[in-house]
Amino acid sequence: MVVKKDKSQEERAEYQTKIKRKEADIEDFQKNQKSFEQSVNGFNETLNTAYGNLREVHDNDRRWGITMDKQIEADSRKVSEVVKLVQDQNEQISQFFKQTKKKTLNEIDELEGEKKALPWD
């Protein structure tokens, strides 16, 4: 009977050892699970921050694009005004030269007429 008790005590000791290992495994699992949850939470926070930053960049780009579109439109209007002014000035200069040429040709014609009227020719 002593042999049975020893065998039973050995089995009980093995069983308790297995239980302690399982409890240690469960503790490790719970620690790993907690660590994983913290990692997931950290990842989610990072992801949310990145999404917020991306949204801010997108909003800034959109605002910048609108501002640049307005600036380009204003610059285009200014360029159009300058082009119109230059064209007007070129037209005025062209008219001045036409009038000056006409006046000069008329003066030349008058001088030639006077030259013909001179008695020594």
PDB file of N, CA and C in Angstrom:
ATOM      1  N   MET A   1       0.809  -1.175   0.000  1.00  0.00           N
ATOM      2  CA  MET A   1       0.000   0.000   0.000  1.00  0.00           C
ATOM      3  C   MET A   1       0.863   1.253   0.000  1.00  0.00           C
ATOM      4  N   VAL A   2       1.984   1.152   0.567  1.00  0.00           N
ATOM      5  CA  VAL A   2       2.920   2.266   0.614  1.00  0.00           C
ATOM      6  C   VAL A   2       3.303   2.665  -0.802  1.00  0.00           C
ATOM      7  N   VAL A   3       3.405   1.719  -1.656  1.00  0.00           N
ATOM      8  CA  VAL A   3       3.770   1.980  -3.033  1.00  0.00           C
ATOM      9  C   VAL A   3       2.678   2.796  -3.703  1.00  0.00           C
ATOM     10  N   LYS A   4       1.422   2.468  -3.431  1.00  0.00           N
ATOM     11  CA  LYS A   4       0.321   3.211  -4.030  1.00  0.00           C
ATOM     12  C   LYS A   4       0.338   4.657  -3.580  1.00  0.00           C
ATOM     13  N   LYS A   5       0.604   4.880  -2.282  1.00  0.00           N
ATOM     14  CA  LYS A   5       0.651   6.235  -1.755  1.00  0.00           C
ATOM     15  C   LYS A   5       1.757   7.025  -2.428  1.00  0.00           C
ATOM     16  N   ASP A   6       2.880   6.407  -2.584  1.00  0.00           N
ATOM     17  CA  ASP A   6       3.999   7.098  -3.225  1.00  0.00           C
ATOM     18  C   ASP A   6       3.653   7.441  -4.672  1.00  0.00           C
ATOM     19  N   LYS A   7       3.010   6.483  -5.342  1.00  0.00           N
ATOM     20  CA  LYS A   7       2.641   6.711  -6.724  1.00  0.00           C
ATOM     21  C   LYS A   7       1.596   7.821  -6.793  1.00  0.00           C
ATOM     22  N   SER A   8       0.668   7.789  -5.886  1.00  0.00           N
ATOM     23  CA  SER A   8      -0.378   8.794  -5.838  1.00  0.00           C
ATOM     24  C   SER A   8       0.207  10.161  -5.509  1.00  0.00           C
ATOM     25  N   GLN A   9       1.144  10.213  -4.618  1.00  0.00           N
ATOM     26  CA  GLN A   9       1.788  11.497  -4.272  1.00  0.00           C
ATOM     27  C   GLN A   9       2.594  12.025  -5.465  1.00  0.00           C
ATOM     28  N   GLU A  10       3.246  11.110  -6.170  1.00  0.00           N
ATOM     29  CA  GLU A  10       4.008  11.509  -7.354  1.00  0.00           C
ATOM     30  C   GLU A  10       3.073  12.086  -8.413  1.00  0.00           C
ATOM     31  N   GLU A  11       1.949  11.394  -8.621  1.00  0.00           N
ATOM     32  CA  GLU A  11       0.983  11.869  -9.607  1.00  0.00           C
ATOM     33  C   GLU A  11       0.427  13.226  -9.200  1.00  0.00           C
ATOM     34  N   ARG A  12       0.134  13.353  -7.890  1.00  0.00           N
ATOM     35  CA  ARG A  12      -0.369  14.623  -7.388  1.00  0.00           C
ATOM     36  C   ARG A  12       0.686  15.719  -7.566  1.00  0.00           C
ATOM     37  N   ALA A  13       1.927  15.424  -7.317  1.00  0.00           N
ATOM     38  CA  ALA A  13       3.010  16.397  -7.470  1.00  0.00           C
ATOM     39  C   ALA A  13       3.151  16.789  -8.937  1.00  0.00           C
ATOM     40  N   GLU A  14       3.091  15.796  -9.835  1.00  0.00           N
ATOM     41  CA  GLU A  14       3.160  16.089 -11.264  1.00  0.00           C
ATOM     42  C   GLU A  14       1.978  16.956 -11.691  1.00  0.00           C
ATOM     43  N   TYR A  15       0.820  16.601 -11.170  1.00  0.00           N
ATOM     44  CA  TYR A  15      -0.394  17.360 -11.493  1.00  0.00           C
ATOM     45  C   TYR A  15      -0.263  18.807 -11.024  1.00  0.00           C
ATOM     46  N   GLN A  16       0.229  18.986  -9.793  1.00  0.00           N
ATOM     47  CA  GLN A  16       0.411  20.348  -9.264  1.00  0.00           C
ATOM     48  C   GLN A  16       1.465  21.109 -10.071  1.00  0.00           C
ATOM     49  N   THR A  17       2.494  20.414 -10.504  1.00  0.00           N
ATOM     50  CA  THR A  17       3.523  21.041 -11.331  1.00  0.00           C
ATOM     51  C   THR A  17       2.920  21.487 -12.664  1.00  0.00           C
ATOM     52  N   LYS A  18       2.090  20.595 -13.258  1.00  0.00           N
ATOM     53  CA  LYS A  18       1.428  20.951 -14.521  1.00  0.00           C
ATOM     54  C   LYS A  18       0.513  22.153 -14.322  1.00  0.00           C
ATOM     55  N   ILE A  19      -0.220  22.166 -13.210  1.00  0.00           N
ATOM     56  CA  ILE A  19      -1.123  23.288 -12.924  1.00  0.00           C
ATOM     57  C   ILE A  19      -0.322  24.576 -12.774  1.00  0.00           C
ATOM     58  N   LYS A  20       0.815  24.506 -12.055  1.00  0.00           N
ATOM     59  CA  LYS A  20       1.650  25.703 -11.871  1.00  0.00           C
ATOM     60  C   LYS A  20       2.180  26.197 -13.222  1.00  0.00           C
ATOM     61  N   ARG A  21       2.568  25.235 -14.103  1.00  0.00           N
ATOM     62  CA  ARG A  21       3.037  25.629 -15.433  1.00  0.00           C
ATOM     63  C   ARG A  21       1.918  26.291 -16.227  1.00  0.00           C
ATOM     64  N   LYS A  22       0.727  25.697 -16.144  1.00  0.00           N
ATOM     65  CA  LYS A  22      -0.424  26.270 -16.856  1.00  0.00           C
ATOM     66  C   LYS A  22      -0.751  27.660 -16.307  1.00  0.00           C
ATOM     67  N   GLU A  23      -0.694  27.805 -14.971  1.00  0.00           N
ATOM     68  CA  GLU A  23      -0.947  29.120 -14.366  1.00  0.00           C
ATOM     69  C   GLU A  23       0.103  30.129 -14.829  1.00  0.00           C
ATOM     70  N   ALA A  24       1.361  29.686 -14.903  1.00  0.00           N
ATOM     71  CA  ALA A  24       2.432  30.566 -15.388  1.00  0.00           C
ATOM     72  C   ALA A  24       2.189  30.913 -16.856  1.00  0.00           C
ATOM     73  N   ASP A  25       1.771  29.905 -17.638  1.00  0.00           N
ATOM     74  CA  ASP A  25       1.456  30.156 -19.048  1.00  0.00           C
ATOM     75  C   ASP A  25       0.308  31.150 -19.178  1.00  0.00           C
ATOM     76  N   ILE A  26      -0.724  30.981 -18.337  1.00  0.00           N
ATOM     77  CA  ILE A  26      -1.867  31.902 -18.364  1.00  0.00           C
ATOM     78  C   ILE A  26      -1.415  33.307 -17.996  1.00  0.00           C
ATOM     79  N   GLU A  27      -0.563  33.420 -16.978  1.00  0.00           N
ATOM     80  CA  GLU A  27      -0.033  34.743 -16.588  1.00  0.00           C
ATOM     81  C   GLU A  27       0.755  35.368 -17.735  1.00  0.00           C
ATOM     82  N   ASP A  28       1.613  34.570 -18.362  1.00  0.00           N
ATOM     83  CA  ASP A  28       2.384  35.070 -19.509  1.00  0.00           C
ATOM     84  C   ASP A  28       1.449  35.503 -20.634  1.00  0.00           C
ATOM     85  N   PHE A  29       0.438  34.676 -20.892  1.00  0.00           N
ATOM     86  CA  PHE A  29      -0.526  35.013 -21.932  1.00  0.00           C
ATOM     87  C   PHE A  29      -1.228  36.330 -21.607  1.00  0.00           C
ATOM     88  N   GLN A  30      -1.653  36.490 -20.345  1.00  0.00           N
ATOM     89  CA  GLN A  30      -2.340  37.719 -19.948  1.00  0.00           C
ATOM     90  C   GLN A  30      -1.417  38.933 -20.070  1.00  0.00           C
ATOM     91  N   LYS A  31      -0.144  38.753 -19.682  1.00  0.00           N
ATOM     92  CA  LYS A  31       0.827  39.846 -19.833  1.00  0.00           C
ATOM     93  C   LYS A  31       1.010  40.190 -21.312  1.00  0.00           C
ATOM     94  N   ASN A  32       1.152  39.146 -22.131  1.00  0.00           N
ATOM     95  CA  ASN A  32       1.320  39.373 -23.573  1.00  0.00           C
ATOM     96  C   ASN A  32       0.079  40.022 -24.175  1.00  0.00           C
ATOM     97  N   GLN A  33      -1.097  39.576 -23.703  1.00  0.00           N
ATOM     98  CA  GLN A  33      -2.345  40.152 -24.196  1.00  0.00           C
ATOM     99  C   GLN A  33      -2.431  41.630 -23.820  1.00  0.00           C
ATOM    100  N   LYS A  34      -2.062  41.947 -22.579  1.00  0.00           N
ATOM    101  CA  LYS A  34      -2.078  43.343 -22.124  1.00  0.00           C
ATOM    102  C   LYS A  34      -1.085  44.172 -22.938  1.00  0.00           C
ATOM    103  N   SER A  35       0.102  43.622 -23.159  1.00  0.00           N
ATOM    104  CA  SER A  35       1.122  44.307 -23.954  1.00  0.00           C
ATOM    105  C   SER A  35       0.624  44.520 -25.381  1.00  0.00           C
ATOM    106  N   PHE A  36      -0.016  43.498 -25.934  1.00  0.00           N
ATOM    107  CA  PHE A  36      -0.563  43.604 -27.284  1.00  0.00           C
ATOM    108  C   PHE A  36      -1.636  44.685 -27.345  1.00  0.00           C
ATOM    109  N   GLU A  37      -2.519  44.713 -26.343  1.00  0.00           N
ATOM    110  CA  GLU A  37      -3.567  45.740 -26.300  1.00  0.00           C
ATOM    111  C   GLU A  37      -2.950  47.134 -26.239  1.00  0.00           C
ATOM    112  N   GLN A  38      -1.889  47.274 -25.432  1.00  0.00           N
ATOM    113  CA  GLN A  38      -1.213  48.574 -25.356  1.00  0.00           C
ATOM    114  C   GLN A  38      -0.589  48.932 -26.701  1.00  0.00           C
ATOM    115  N   SER A  39      -0.006  47.937 -27.361  1.00  0.00           N
ATOM    116  CA  SER A  39       0.588  48.184 -28.682  1.00  0.00           C
ATOM    117  C   SER A  39      -0.485  48.587 -29.684  1.00  0.00           C
ATOM    118  N   VAL A  40      -1.625  47.889 -29.639  1.00  0.00           N
ATOM    119  CA  VAL A  40      -2.729  48.212 -30.548  1.00  0.00           C
ATOM    120  C   VAL A  40      -3.232  49.622 -30.268  1.00  0.00           C
ATOM    121  N   ASN A  41      -3.379  49.960 -28.990  1.00  0.00           N
ATOM    122  CA  ASN A  41      -3.832  51.309 -28.636  1.00  0.00           C
ATOM    123  C   ASN A  41      -2.833  52.360 -29.112  1.00  0.00           C
ATOM    124  N   GLY A  42      -1.548  52.084 -28.917  1.00  0.00           N
ATOM    125  CA  GLY A  42      -0.518  53.007 -29.398  1.00  0.00           C
ATOM    126  C   GLY A  42      -0.556  53.148 -30.907  1.00  0.00           C
ATOM    127  N   PHE A  43      -0.730  52.020 -31.591  1.00  0.00           N
ATOM    128  CA  PHE A  43      -0.824  52.047 -33.050  1.00  0.00           C
ATOM    129  C   PHE A  43      -2.034  52.860 -33.493  1.00  0.00           C
ATOM    130  N   ASN A  44      -3.180  52.638 -32.827  1.00  0.00           N
ATOM    131  CA  ASN A  44      -4.393  53.388 -33.171  1.00  0.00           C
ATOM    132  C   ASN A  44      -4.200  54.882 -32.940  1.00  0.00           C
ATOM    133  N   GLU A  45      -3.546  55.242 -31.832  1.00  0.00           N
ATOM    134  CA  GLU A  45      -3.277  56.663 -31.576  1.00  0.00           C
ATOM    135  C   GLU A  45      -2.379  57.242 -32.664  1.00  0.00           C
ATOM    136  N   THR A  46      -1.342  56.491 -33.021  1.00  0.00           N
ATOM    137  CA  THR A  46      -0.434  56.944 -34.081  1.00  0.00           C
ATOM    138  C   THR A  46      -1.181  57.083 -35.399  1.00  0.00           C
ATOM    139  N   LEU A  47      -2.026  56.102 -35.693  1.00  0.00           N
ATOM    140  CA  LEU A  47      -2.808  56.134 -36.923  1.00  0.00           C
ATOM    141  C   LEU A  47      -3.753  57.330 -36.935  1.00  0.00           C
ATOM    142  N   ASN A  48      -4.418  57.574 -35.812  1.00  0.00           N
ATOM    143  CA  ASN A  48      -5.324  58.723 -35.719  1.00  0.00           C
ATOM    144  C   ASN A  48      -4.567  60.038 -35.864  1.00  0.00           C
ATOM    145  N   THR A  49      -3.394  60.118 -35.244  1.00  0.00           N
ATOM    146  CA  THR A  49      -2.574  61.322 -35.372  1.00  0.00           C
ATOM    147  C   THR A  49      -2.144  61.518 -36.821  1.00  0.00           C
ATOM    148  N   ALA A  50      -1.709  60.431 -37.451  1.00  0.00           N
ATOM    149  CA  ALA A  50      -1.283  60.520 -38.856  1.00  0.00           C
ATOM    150  C   ALA A  50      -2.453  60.938 -39.738  1.00  0.00           C
ATOM    151  N   TYR A  51      -3.636  60.387 -39.472  1.00  0.00           N
ATOM    152  CA  TYR A  51      -4.817  60.756 -40.251  1.00  0.00           C
ATOM    153  C   TYR A  51      -5.142  62.229 -40.048  1.00  0.00           C
ATOM    154  N   GLY A  52      -5.059  62.690 -38.789  1.00  0.00           N
ATOM    155  CA  GLY A  52      -5.300  64.110 -38.511  1.00  0.00           C
ATOM    156  C   GLY A  52      -4.303  64.996 -39.234  1.00  0.00           C
ATOM    157  N   ASN A  53      -3.030  64.595 -39.202  1.00  0.00           N
ATOM    158  CA  ASN A  53      -1.998  65.371 -39.893  1.00  0.00           C
ATOM    159  C   ASN A  53      -2.238  65.377 -41.398  1.00  0.00           C
ATOM    160  N   LEU A  54      -2.614  64.225 -41.935  1.00  0.00           N
ATOM    161  CA  LEU A  54      -2.891  64.139 -43.369  1.00  0.00           C
ATOM    162  C   LEU A  54      -4.070  65.026 -43.741  1.00  0.00           C
ATOM    163  N   ARG A  55      -5.099  65.009 -42.912  1.00  0.00           N
ATOM    164  CA  ARG A  55      -6.270  65.849 -43.170  1.00  0.00           C
ATOM    165  C   ARG A  55      -5.875  67.330 -43.116  1.00  0.00           C
ATOM    166  N   GLU A  56      -5.032  67.686 -42.140  1.00  0.00           N
ATOM    167  CA  GLU A  56      -4.578  69.077 -42.026  1.00  0.00           C
ATOM    168  C   GLU A  56      -3.767  69.482 -43.257  1.00  0.00           C
ATOM    169  N   VAL A  57      -2.882  68.589 -43.698  1.00  0.00           N
ATOM    170  CA  VAL A  57      -2.084  68.871 -44.901  1.00  0.00           C
ATOM    171  C   VAL A  57      -3.004  69.038 -46.107  1.00  0.00           C
ATOM    172  N   HIS A  58      -3.991  68.153 -46.217  1.00  0.00           N
ATOM    173  CA  HIS A  58      -4.943  68.239 -47.332  1.00  0.00           C
ATOM    174  C   HIS A  58      -5.710  69.560 -47.284  1.00  0.00           C
ATOM    175  N   ASP A  59      -6.171  69.942 -46.088  1.00  0.00           N
ATOM    176  CA  ASP A  59      -6.898  71.211 -45.948  1.00  0.00           C
ATOM    177  C   ASP A  59      -5.995  72.390 -46.304  1.00  0.00           C
ATOM    178  N   ASN A  60      -4.735  72.333 -45.839  1.00  0.00           N
ATOM    179  CA  ASN A  60      -3.789  73.408 -46.164  1.00  0.00           C
ATOM    180  C   ASN A  60      -3.533  73.466 -47.663  1.00  0.00           C
ATOM    181  N   ASP A  61      -3.373  72.287 -48.283  1.00  0.00           N
ATOM    182  CA  ASP A  61      -3.173  72.250 -49.737  1.00  0.00           C
ATOM    183  C   ASP A  61      -4.368  72.842 -50.463  1.00  0.00           C
ATOM    184  N   ARG A  62      -5.572  72.483 -49.978  1.00  0.00           N
ATOM    185  CA  ARG A  62      -6.790  73.000 -50.610  1.00  0.00           C
ATOM    186  C   ARG A  62      -6.849  74.518 -50.449  1.00  0.00           C
ATOM    187  N   ARG A  63      -6.586  74.992 -49.223  1.00  0.00           N
ATOM    188  CA  ARG A  63      -6.595  76.449 -49.000  1.00  0.00           C
ATOM    189  C   ARG A  63      -5.504  77.116 -49.834  1.00  0.00           C
ATOM    190  N   TRP A  64      -4.333  76.505 -49.846  1.00  0.00           N
ATOM    191  CA  TRP A  64      -3.216  77.052 -50.620  1.00  0.00           C
ATOM    192  C   TRP A  64      -3.576  77.070 -52.095  1.00  0.00           C
ATOM    193  N   GLY A  65      -4.215  75.980 -52.559  1.00  0.00           N
ATOM    194  CA  GLY A  65      -4.629  75.917 -53.963  1.00  0.00           C
ATOM    195  C   GLY A  65      -5.623  77.005 -54.297  1.00  0.00           C
ATOM    196  N   ILE A  66      -6.600  77.229 -53.399  1.00  0.00           N
ATOM    197  CA  ILE A  66      -7.587  78.287 -53.621  1.00  0.00           C
ATOM    198  C   ILE A  66      -6.891  79.638 -53.631  1.00  0.00           C
ATOM    199  N   THR A  67      -6.001  79.846 -52.662  1.00  0.00           N
ATOM    200  CA  THR A  67      -5.263  81.109 -52.595  1.00  0.00           C
ATOM    201  C   THR A  67      -4.433  81.300 -53.856  1.00  0.00           C
ATOM    202  N   MET A  68      -3.743  80.230 -54.278  1.00  0.00           N
ATOM    203  CA  MET A  68      -2.912  80.331 -55.475  1.00  0.00           C
ATOM    204  C   MET A  68      -3.779  80.563 -56.710  1.00  0.00           C
ATOM    205  N   ASP A  69      -4.944  79.901 -56.774  1.00  0.00           N
ATOM    206  CA  ASP A  69      -5.845  80.130 -57.909  1.00  0.00           C
ATOM    207  C   ASP A  69      -6.273  81.589 -57.963  1.00  0.00           C
ATOM    208  N   LYS A  70      -6.610  82.149 -56.803  1.00  0.00           N
ATOM    209  CA  LYS A  70      -7.011  83.558 -56.758  1.00  0.00           C
ATOM    210  C   LYS A  70      -5.843  84.451 -57.153  1.00  0.00           C
ATOM    211  N   GLN A  71      -4.646  84.115 -56.651  1.00  0.00           N
ATOM    212  CA  GLN A  71      -3.464  84.912 -56.973  1.00  0.00           C
ATOM    213  C   GLN A  71      -3.158  84.831 -58.463  1.00  0.00           C
ATOM    214  N   ILE A  72      -3.255  83.633 -59.020  1.00  0.00           N
ATOM    215  CA  ILE A  72      -2.997  83.459 -60.456  1.00  0.00           C
ATOM    216  C   ILE A  72      -4.024  84.239 -61.265  1.00  0.00           C
ATOM    217  N   GLU A  73      -5.285  84.179 -60.833  1.00  0.00           N
ATOM    218  CA  GLU A  73      -6.342  84.917 -61.527  1.00  0.00           C
ATOM    219  C   GLU A  73      -6.072  86.420 -61.464  1.00  0.00           C
ATOM    220  N   ALA A  74      -5.685  86.908 -60.270  1.00  0.00           N
ATOM    221  CA  ALA A  74      -5.378  88.335 -60.125  1.00  0.00           C
ATOM    222  C   ALA A  74      -4.169  88.711 -60.985  1.00  0.00           C
ATOM    223  N   ASP A  75      -3.137  87.859 -60.963  1.00  0.00           N
ATOM    224  CA  ASP A  75      -1.954  88.123 -61.777  1.00  0.00           C
ATOM    225  C   ASP A  75      -2.307  88.107 -63.265  1.00  0.00           C
ATOM    226  N   SER A  76      -3.181  87.202 -63.658  1.00  0.00           N
ATOM    227  CA  SER A  76      -3.608  87.142 -65.062  1.00  0.00           C
ATOM    228  C   SER A  76      -4.322  88.426 -65.462  1.00  0.00           C
ATOM    229  N   ARG A  77      -5.175  88.918 -64.550  1.00  0.00           N
ATOM    230  CA  ARG A  77      -5.861  90.185 -64.845  1.00  0.00           C
ATOM    231  C   ARG A  77      -4.845  91.316 -64.977  1.00  0.00           C
ATOM    232  N   LYS A  78      -3.871  91.344 -64.068  1.00  0.00           N
ATOM    233  CA  LYS A  78      -2.847  92.396 -64.135  1.00  0.00           C
ATOM    234  C   LYS A  78      -2.072  92.296 -65.442  1.00  0.00           C
ATOM    235  N   VAL A  79      -1.710  91.077 -65.813  1.00  0.00           N
ATOM    236  CA  VAL A  79      -0.974  90.878 -67.064  1.00  0.00           C
ATOM    237  C   VAL A  79      -1.826  91.335 -68.240  1.00  0.00           C
ATOM    238  N   SER A  80      -3.117  90.999 -68.216  1.00  0.00           N
ATOM    239  CA  SER A  80      -4.015  91.431 -69.296  1.00  0.00           C
ATOM    240  C   SER A  80      -4.077  92.951 -69.370  1.00  0.00           C
ATOM    241  N   GLU A  81      -4.144  93.592 -68.194  1.00  0.00           N
ATOM    242  CA  GLU A  81      -4.176  95.059 -68.173  1.00  0.00           C
ATOM    243  C   GLU A  81      -2.883  95.636 -68.736  1.00  0.00           C
ATOM    244  N   VAL A  82      -1.756  95.047 -68.346  1.00  0.00           N
ATOM    245  CA  VAL A  82      -0.461  95.526 -68.840  1.00  0.00           C
ATOM    246  C   VAL A  82      -0.372  95.318 -70.351  1.00  0.00           C
ATOM    247  N   VAL A  83      -0.814  94.155 -70.823  1.00  0.00           N
ATOM    248  CA  VAL A  83      -0.797  93.884 -72.267  1.00  0.00           C
ATOM    249  C   VAL A  83      -1.645  94.916 -72.997  1.00  0.00           C
ATOM    250  N   LYS A  84      -2.823  95.212 -72.451  1.00  0.00           N
ATOM    251  CA  LYS A  84      -3.709  96.202 -73.075  1.00  0.00           C
ATOM    252  C   LYS A  84      -3.047  97.581 -73.083  1.00  0.00           C
ATOM    253  N   LEU A  85      -2.424  97.959 -71.954  1.00  0.00           N
ATOM    254  CA  LEU A  85      -1.726  99.249 -71.900  1.00  0.00           C
ATOM    255  C   LEU A  85      -0.602  99.309 -72.931  1.00  0.00           C
ATOM    256  N   VAL A  86       0.172  98.229 -73.017  1.00  0.00           N
ATOM    257  CA  VAL A  86       1.278  98.190 -73.982  1.00  0.00           C
ATOM    258  C   VAL A  86       0.734  98.280 -75.403  1.00  0.00           C
ATOM    259  N   GLN A  87      -0.352  97.561 -75.682  1.00  0.00           N
ATOM    260  CA  GLN A  87      -0.949  97.621 -77.020  1.00  0.00           C
ATOM    261  C   GLN A  87      -1.458  99.032 -77.318  1.00  0.00           C
ATOM    262  N   ASP A  88      -2.109  99.661 -76.327  1.00  0.00           N
ATOM    263  CA  ASP A  88      -2.589 101.036 -76.515  1.00  0.00           C
ATOM    264  C   ASP A  88      -1.424 101.986 -76.773  1.00  0.00           C
ATOM    265  N   GLN A  89      -0.362 101.837 -75.984  1.00  0.00           N
ATOM    266  CA  GLN A  89       0.802 102.706 -76.173  1.00  0.00           C
ATOM    267  C   GLN A  89       1.446 102.453 -77.530  1.00  0.00           C
ATOM    268  N   ASN A  90       1.535 101.182 -77.915  1.00  0.00           N
ATOM    269  CA  ASN A  90       2.090 100.866 -79.235  1.00  0.00           C
ATOM    270  C   ASN A  90       1.236 101.485 -80.335  1.00  0.00           C
ATOM    271  N   GLU A  91      -0.078 101.442 -80.165  1.00  0.00           N
ATOM    272  CA  GLU A  91      -0.987 102.050 -81.142  1.00  0.00           C
ATOM    273  C   GLU A  91      -0.776 103.561 -81.194  1.00  0.00           C
ATOM    274  N   GLN A  92      -0.651 104.185 -80.020  1.00  0.00           N
ATOM    275  CA  GLN A  92      -0.416 105.638 -79.978  1.00  0.00           C
ATOM    276  C   GLN A  92       0.912 105.993 -80.635  1.00  0.00           C
ATOM    277  N   ILE A  93       1.935 105.194 -80.325  1.00  0.00           N
ATOM    278  CA  ILE A  93       3.248 105.437 -80.934  1.00  0.00           C
ATOM    279  C   ILE A  93       3.160 105.255 -82.447  1.00  0.00           C
ATOM    280  N   SER A  94       2.461 104.208 -82.861  1.00  0.00           N
ATOM    281  CA  SER A  94       2.282 103.958 -84.288  1.00  0.00           C
ATOM    282  C   SER A  94       1.557 105.126 -84.953  1.00  0.00           C
ATOM    283  N   GLN A  95       0.496 105.628 -84.325  1.00  0.00           N
ATOM    284  CA  GLN A  95      -0.241 106.784 -84.854  1.00  0.00           C
ATOM    285  C   GLN A  95       0.662 108.015 -84.918  1.00  0.00           C
ATOM    286  N   PHE A  96       1.448 108.209 -83.855  1.00  0.00           N
ATOM    287  CA  PHE A  96       2.370 109.357 -83.841  1.00  0.00           C
ATOM    288  C   PHE A  96       3.334 109.275 -85.019  1.00  0.00           C
ATOM    289  N   PHE A  97       3.918 108.063 -85.232  1.00  0.00           N
ATOM    290  CA  PHE A  97       4.856 107.919 -86.338  1.00  0.00           C
ATOM    291  C   PHE A  97       4.162 108.097 -87.689  1.00  0.00           C
ATOM    292  N   LYS A  98       2.928 107.603 -87.806  1.00  0.00           N
ATOM    293  CA  LYS A  98       2.183 107.794 -89.056  1.00  0.00           C
ATOM    294  C   LYS A  98       1.948 109.280 -89.308  1.00  0.00           C
ATOM    295  N   GLN A  99       1.523 110.004 -88.259  1.00  0.00           N
ATOM    296  CA  GLN A  99       1.272 111.442 -88.404  1.00  0.00           C
ATOM    297  C   GLN A  99       2.561 112.181 -88.717  1.00  0.00           C
ATOM    298  N   THR A 100       3.628 111.796 -87.997  1.00  0.00           N
ATOM    299  CA  THR A 100       4.912 112.446 -88.237  1.00  0.00           C
ATOM    300  C   THR A 100       5.386 112.165 -89.659  1.00  0.00           C
ATOM    301  N   LYS A 101       5.235 110.945 -90.117  1.00  0.00           N
ATOM    302  CA  LYS A 101       5.634 110.585 -91.479  1.00  0.00           C
ATOM    303  C   LYS A 101       4.809 111.378 -92.486  1.00  0.00           C
ATOM    304  N   LYS A 102       3.489 111.439 -92.245  1.00  0.00           N
ATOM    305  CA  LYS A 102       2.606 112.172 -93.155  1.00  0.00           C
ATOM    306  C   LYS A 102       2.989 113.650 -93.177  1.00  0.00           C
ATOM    307  N   LYS A 103       3.220 114.205 -91.983  1.00  0.00           N
ATOM    308  CA  LYS A 103       3.601 115.614 -91.877  1.00  0.00           C
ATOM    309  C   LYS A 103       4.933 115.850 -92.585  1.00  0.00           C
ATOM    310  N   THR A 104       5.871 114.937 -92.346  1.00  0.00           N
ATOM    311  CA  THR A 104       7.186 115.071 -92.978  1.00  0.00           C
ATOM    312  C   THR A 104       7.062 114.974 -94.495  1.00  0.00           C
ATOM    313  N   LEU A 105       6.276 114.028 -94.987  1.00  0.00           N
ATOM    314  CA  LEU A 105       6.083 113.897 -96.434  1.00  0.00           C
ATOM    315  C   LEU A 105       5.406 115.142 -97.004  1.00  0.00           C
ATOM    316  N   ASN A 106       4.434 115.691 -96.276  1.00  0.00           N
ATOM    317  CA  ASN A 106       3.778 116.927 -96.726  1.00  0.00           C
ATOM    318  C   ASN A 106       4.780 118.075 -96.780  1.00  0.00           C
ATOM    319  N   GLU A 107       5.629 118.160 -95.742  1.00  0.00           N
ATOM    320  CA  GLU A 107       6.650 119.215 -95.731  1.00  0.00           C
ATOM    321  C   GLU A 107       7.617 119.030 -96.893  1.00  0.00           C
ATOM    322  N   ILE A 108       7.974 117.768 -97.146  1.00  0.00           N
ATOM    323  CA  ILE A 108       8.869 117.494 -98.282  1.00  0.00           C
ATOM    324  C   ILE A 108       8.186 117.911 -99.578  1.00  0.00           C
ATOM    325  N   ASP A 109       6.903 117.582 -99.737  1.00  0.00           N
ATOM    326  CA  ASP A 109       6.153 117.971-100.941  1.00  0.00           C
ATOM    327  C   ASP A 109       6.100 119.490-101.064  1.00  0.00           C
ATOM    328  N   GLU A 110       5.850 120.177 -99.950  1.00  0.00           N
ATOM    329  CA  GLU A 110       5.809 121.648 -99.982  1.00  0.00           C
ATOM    330  C   GLU A 110       7.164 122.204-100.385  1.00  0.00           C
ATOM    331  N   LEU A 111       8.225 121.641 -99.780  1.00  0.00           N
ATOM    332  CA  LEU A 111       9.565 122.116-100.108  1.00  0.00           C
ATOM    333  C   LEU A 111       9.898 121.847-101.573  1.00  0.00           C
ATOM    334  N   GLU A 112       9.485 120.707-102.080  1.00  0.00           N
ATOM    335  CA  GLU A 112       9.725 120.417-103.494  1.00  0.00           C
ATOM    336  C   GLU A 112       8.918 121.367-104.380  1.00  0.00           C
ATOM    337  N   GLY A 113       7.687 121.654-103.925  1.00  0.00           N
ATOM    338  CA  GLY A 113       6.866 122.624-104.672  1.00  0.00           C
ATOM    339  C   GLY A 113       7.510 123.995-104.652  1.00  0.00           C
ATOM    340  N   GLU A 114       8.031 124.412-103.513  1.00  0.00           N
ATOM    341  CA  GLU A 114       8.710 125.697-103.407  1.00  0.00           C
ATOM    342  C   GLU A 114       9.993 125.680-104.230  1.00  0.00           C
ATOM    343  N   LYS A 115      10.655 124.518-104.218  1.00  0.00           N
ATOM    344  CA  LYS A 115      11.897 124.393-104.972  1.00  0.00           C
ATOM    345  C   LYS A 115      11.618 124.563-106.469  1.00  0.00           C
ATOM    346  N   LYS A 116      10.516 123.990-106.937  1.00  0.00           N
ATOM    347  CA  LYS A 116      10.150 124.117-108.347  1.00  0.00           C
ATOM    348  C   LYS A 116       9.774 125.563-108.669  1.00  0.00           C
ATOM    349  N   ALA A 117       9.223 126.211-107.699  1.00  0.00           N
ATOM    350  CA  ALA A 117       8.791 127.593-107.923  1.00  0.00           C
ATOM    351  C   ALA A 117       9.966 128.563-107.912  1.00  0.00           C
ATOM    352  N   LEU A 118      11.100 128.110-107.495  1.00  0.00           N
ATOM    353  CA  LEU A 118      12.256 129.000-107.447  1.00  0.00           C
ATOM    354  C   LEU A 118      12.693 129.365-108.874  1.00  0.00           C
ATOM    355  N   PRO A 119      13.089 130.626-109.071  1.00  0.00           N
ATOM    356  CA  PRO A 119      13.421 131.064-110.423  1.00  0.00           C
ATOM    357  C   PRO A 119      14.737 130.487-110.962  1.00  0.00           C
ATOM    358  N   TRP A 120      15.653 130.137-110.139  1.00  0.00           N
ATOM    359  CA  TRP A 120      16.947 129.668-110.671  1.00  0.00           C
ATOM    360  C   TRP A 120      16.981 128.208-111.021  1.00  0.00           C
ATOM    361  N   ASP A 121      15.903 127.503-110.824  1.00  0.00           N
ATOM    362  CA  ASP A 121      15.899 126.099-111.229  1.00  0.00           C
ATOM    363  C   ASP A 121      15.608 125.951-112.673  1.00  0.00           C
TER     364      ASP A 121
END
